[in-house]
Protein backbone atom coordinates (compact mmCIF):
# COMPACT_ATOMS: atom_id res chain seq x y z
CA ALA A 1 -7.53 -53.67 -108.25
CA ALA A 2 -7.33 -54.91 -111.80
CA ALA A 3 -10.50 -54.91 -113.90
CA GLY A 4 -12.53 -58.00 -113.15
CA GLN A 5 -10.73 -58.72 -109.87
CA PHE A 6 -12.56 -58.06 -106.58
CA VAL A 7 -10.51 -56.89 -103.59
CA ALA A 8 -11.38 -55.46 -100.17
CA GLY A 9 -12.57 -51.93 -100.79
CA GLU A 10 -10.76 -49.08 -99.10
CA SER A 11 -12.50 -45.96 -97.89
CA PHE A 12 -10.87 -42.61 -97.14
CA SER A 13 -12.12 -39.35 -95.66
CA SER A 14 -11.68 -36.07 -97.52
CA ASP A 15 -8.51 -35.41 -95.50
CA GLY A 16 -6.99 -38.68 -96.77
CA THR A 17 -7.33 -40.71 -93.57
CA ARG A 18 -8.92 -44.17 -93.63
CA ASP A 19 -12.53 -44.36 -92.51
CA ASP A 20 -15.18 -47.05 -92.12
CA LEU A 21 -17.70 -45.78 -94.69
CA ARG A 22 -18.07 -49.22 -96.25
CA ALA A 23 -17.17 -52.85 -95.84
CA ALA A 24 -17.30 -54.47 -99.27
CA LEU A 25 -15.34 -56.01 -102.11
CA THR A 26 -14.85 -53.68 -105.08
CA CYS A 27 -13.76 -54.06 -108.67
CA PRO A 28 -13.26 -51.53 -111.45
CA PRO A 29 -15.17 -52.50 -114.60
CA ASN A 30 -13.43 -53.90 -117.65
CA ILE A 31 -13.91 -50.91 -119.97
CA ASN A 32 -13.02 -53.03 -123.00
CA ASP A 33 -15.96 -55.37 -122.39
CA ASP A 34 -18.90 -54.96 -124.79
CA VAL A 35 -21.46 -55.37 -121.99
CA PHE A 36 -19.84 -52.59 -119.97
CA TYR A 37 -19.65 -50.37 -123.06
CA ASP A 38 -23.39 -50.84 -123.68
CA LEU A 39 -24.11 -49.97 -120.04
CA TYR A 40 -21.80 -46.95 -120.20
CA GLU A 41 -23.57 -45.60 -123.29
CA LYS A 42 -26.97 -45.93 -121.56
CA LEU A 43 -25.68 -44.24 -118.41
CA ASP A 44 -24.11 -41.45 -120.45
CA ALA A 45 -27.43 -40.85 -122.23
CA LEU A 46 -29.16 -40.79 -118.83
CA ARG A 47 -26.57 -38.28 -117.58
CA THR A 48 -27.42 -36.00 -120.50
CA GLU A 49 -31.18 -36.37 -119.93
CA LEU A 50 -30.78 -35.61 -116.22
CA GLY A 51 -28.82 -32.46 -117.04
CA VAL A 52 -31.69 -31.24 -119.22
CA ALA A 53 -34.35 -32.18 -116.65
CA LEU A 54 -32.41 -30.56 -113.77
CA GLU A 55 -31.42 -27.56 -115.90
CA CYS A 56 -27.74 -27.92 -115.08
CA THR A 57 -24.57 -28.80 -116.91
CA MET A 58 -23.38 -32.25 -115.95
CA ALA A 59 -19.68 -33.04 -116.00
CA SER A 60 -18.66 -35.48 -118.69
CA GLY A 61 -17.71 -39.00 -117.71
CA ILE A 62 -19.14 -41.54 -115.32
CA GLU A 63 -17.60 -43.02 -112.18
CA CYS A 64 -18.48 -46.70 -112.00
CA THR A 65 -17.48 -49.46 -109.59
CA TYR A 66 -18.80 -52.97 -109.14
CA VAL A 67 -19.30 -53.87 -105.49
CA ILE A 68 -20.08 -57.10 -103.64
CA TYR A 69 -21.34 -56.81 -100.08
CA PRO A 70 -20.52 -60.02 -98.25
CA GLU A 71 -22.58 -61.01 -95.23
CA GLY A 72 -22.18 -58.18 -92.73
CA GLY A 73 -20.98 -55.77 -95.44
CA TYR A 74 -22.31 -52.21 -95.53
CA TYR A 75 -22.16 -48.76 -97.11
CA LYS A 76 -22.96 -46.02 -94.61
CA ARG A 77 -25.16 -43.04 -95.36
CA HIS A 78 -22.97 -40.02 -96.07
CA VAL A 79 -22.64 -36.67 -97.83
CA ASP A 80 -19.91 -36.46 -100.49
CA SER A 81 -19.54 -32.70 -100.15
CA THR A 82 -21.44 -29.55 -99.26
CA ASP A 83 -21.92 -26.28 -101.15
CA ASP A 84 -19.37 -24.58 -98.87
CA ASP A 85 -16.74 -27.27 -99.52
CA ARG A 86 -13.59 -25.39 -100.56
CA ASP A 87 -12.23 -28.28 -102.64
CA VAL A 88 -14.19 -27.84 -105.90
CA SER A 89 -13.13 -31.30 -107.15
CA ARG A 90 -15.21 -32.89 -104.37
CA ARG A 91 -18.28 -30.88 -105.42
CA ARG A 92 -18.46 -32.48 -108.90
CA ARG A 93 -20.97 -35.17 -108.03
CA CYS A 94 -24.52 -33.89 -108.01
CA VAL A 95 -26.33 -37.14 -108.89
CA SER A 96 -25.59 -40.65 -107.63
CA PHE A 97 -27.47 -43.88 -107.98
CA ILE A 98 -27.03 -47.49 -107.05
CA VAL A 99 -28.31 -50.51 -108.94
CA TYR A 100 -28.68 -53.67 -106.89
CA LEU A 101 -28.39 -56.96 -108.76
CA ASN A 102 -29.63 -59.48 -106.23
CA ASP A 103 -30.06 -63.14 -107.03
CA GLU A 104 -33.55 -64.50 -107.53
CA SER A 105 -33.76 -65.93 -104.01
CA TRP A 106 -33.51 -62.46 -102.37
CA SER A 107 -36.52 -61.22 -100.42
CA ALA A 108 -37.27 -58.06 -98.43
CA GLU A 109 -36.74 -60.06 -95.22
CA ASP A 110 -33.05 -60.42 -96.21
CA GLY A 111 -32.60 -56.68 -95.58
CA GLY A 112 -31.06 -53.96 -97.69
CA ALA A 113 -34.40 -52.84 -99.11
């Protein structure tokens, strides 16, 4: 998908086959946008701080995707990789986090908390 354009997200298993890990609309960020650049700088500083706190070397760069979960959308609990995973490229991620930007009318009764 082009930056700023939401499309149905695709999900693939480590062997390359399609799976049903999530049902959502995804969009890569516009990296030329000043707001994204400000966010990226803050996340990069956090990445560095986490590396110090966890006493490990964090890989450079940040993977970022904007996601909209329409009614009935989901993102299933999963493990990206394990320590015995032979494909080292899949073992890169050691910290993940999600920021939810719900509208003001959201309440815990809506779910997703």
